[in-house]
């Protein structure tokens, strides 16, 4: 059983496969919680926008990013995601005034 203390989401053998099998986007992204990511979203038919933040949580239909500038949470539609860049370097926020 896996427990995520951030949002108290518990995954176990009764959880939907989309959340436990990493061939699905939500389960794959859950393996990268806490990492710095840049996610590109398709808005409409031809506009791409990106958001950068710490991957805080992943649900079946959403991701939560924490802004490294303000600390605010951004709720994002998982179905609009086209590309995700996952930082392989650990991110440790030591300075409250850190900016990128």
Protein backbone atom coordinates (compact mmCIF):
# COMPACT_ATOMS: atom_id res chain seq x y z
CA UNK A 1 0.00 0.00 0.00
CA UNK A 2 1.27 3.49 -0.88
CA UNK A 3 0.26 6.52 1.14
CA UNK A 4 0.78 10.08 0.05
CA UNK A 5 0.79 12.40 3.06
CA UNK A 6 0.37 15.53 0.96
CA UNK A 7 -3.30 14.95 0.16
CA UNK A 8 -4.00 11.75 2.11
CA UNK A 9 -4.60 9.73 -1.05
CA UNK A 10 -4.15 6.03 -0.37
CA UNK A 11 -3.54 3.59 -3.20
CA UNK A 12 -4.00 -0.12 -2.66
CA UNK A 13 -4.98 -3.26 -4.60
CA UNK A 14 -8.54 -1.93 -4.99
CA UNK A 15 -7.39 1.32 -6.64
CA UNK A 16 -8.12 1.83 -10.33
CA UNK A 17 -5.38 0.62 -12.64
CA UNK A 18 -5.00 4.11 -14.12
CA UNK A 19 -3.56 5.17 -10.74
CA UNK A 20 -1.34 2.15 -10.10
CA UNK A 21 -0.01 0.97 -13.49
CA UNK A 22 2.68 3.27 -14.89
CA UNK A 23 1.61 2.62 -18.48
CA UNK A 24 -1.05 5.24 -17.70
CA UNK A 25 -0.15 8.92 -17.38
CA UNK A 26 -1.45 9.46 -13.81
CA UNK A 27 0.46 6.50 -12.37
CA UNK A 28 3.63 7.44 -14.27
CA UNK A 29 3.46 11.02 -13.06
CA UNK A 30 2.82 9.89 -9.46
CA UNK A 31 6.25 8.24 -9.54
CA UNK A 32 7.71 11.74 -9.89
CA UNK A 33 5.95 13.55 -7.03
CA UNK A 34 8.13 16.23 -5.47
CA UNK A 35 10.16 16.84 -8.63
CA UNK A 36 10.46 20.07 -10.55
CA UNK A 37 8.49 19.79 -13.81
CA UNK A 38 7.58 21.85 -16.83
CA UNK A 39 4.25 20.78 -18.30
CA UNK A 40 3.01 21.92 -21.70
CA UNK A 41 -0.74 22.07 -22.23
CA UNK A 42 -2.73 22.28 -25.46
CA UNK A 43 -5.34 25.02 -25.14
CA UNK A 44 -7.99 24.92 -27.85
CA UNK A 45 -6.73 23.54 -31.15
CA UNK A 46 -3.35 25.21 -31.58
CA UNK A 47 -2.16 27.11 -28.49
CA UNK A 48 0.51 25.59 -26.27
CA UNK A 49 1.13 27.05 -22.81
CA UNK A 50 3.54 25.78 -20.20
CA UNK A 51 3.65 25.83 -16.43
CA UNK A 52 6.61 25.15 -14.16
CA UNK A 53 6.40 23.93 -10.58
CA UNK A 54 6.86 21.14 -8.11
CA UNK A 55 4.61 18.17 -8.85
CA UNK A 56 2.57 17.96 -5.65
CA UNK A 57 -0.21 15.54 -6.51
CA UNK A 58 -1.67 13.56 -9.39
CA UNK A 59 -5.25 12.35 -9.59
CA UNK A 60 -7.06 10.46 -12.34
CA UNK A 61 -7.91 13.71 -14.16
CA UNK A 62 -5.68 16.41 -12.69
CA UNK A 63 -2.21 17.38 -11.54
CA UNK A 64 -1.35 19.88 -8.83
CA UNK A 65 1.73 22.04 -9.30
CA UNK A 66 3.22 24.18 -6.53
CA UNK A 67 4.72 27.41 -7.79
CA UNK A 68 8.35 27.75 -6.75
CA UNK A 69 7.95 31.50 -6.82
CA UNK A 70 4.81 32.00 -4.73
CA UNK A 71 4.11 28.59 -3.20
CA UNK A 72 0.56 28.70 -4.62
CA UNK A 73 -1.08 25.54 -5.93
CA UNK A 74 -2.17 25.32 -9.56
CA UNK A 75 -4.81 22.72 -10.48
CA UNK A 76 -4.28 21.48 -14.05
CA UNK A 77 -6.39 19.33 -16.39
CA UNK A 78 -4.46 16.14 -17.11
CA UNK A 79 -6.24 15.65 -20.46
CA UNK A 80 -4.72 18.86 -21.88
CA UNK A 81 -1.14 17.74 -21.16
CA UNK A 82 0.99 17.19 -24.25
CA UNK A 83 4.56 17.18 -22.89
CA UNK A 84 6.17 16.90 -19.45
CA UNK A 85 9.79 17.71 -18.69
CA UNK A 86 10.87 16.15 -15.38
CA UNK A 87 13.99 17.49 -13.69
CA UNK A 88 16.40 14.76 -12.72
CA UNK A 89 18.19 17.07 -10.29
CA UNK A 90 16.73 17.14 -6.80
CA UNK A 91 14.93 20.35 -5.97
CA UNK A 92 15.37 21.68 -2.45
CA UNK A 93 13.86 25.04 -1.66
CA UNK A 94 16.13 26.56 0.96
CA UNK A 95 15.54 30.25 0.37
CA UNK A 96 12.00 31.64 0.75
CA UNK A 97 12.85 34.38 -1.76
CA UNK A 98 14.11 31.98 -4.46
CA UNK A 99 13.11 33.05 -8.00
CA UNK A 100 13.64 31.59 -11.47
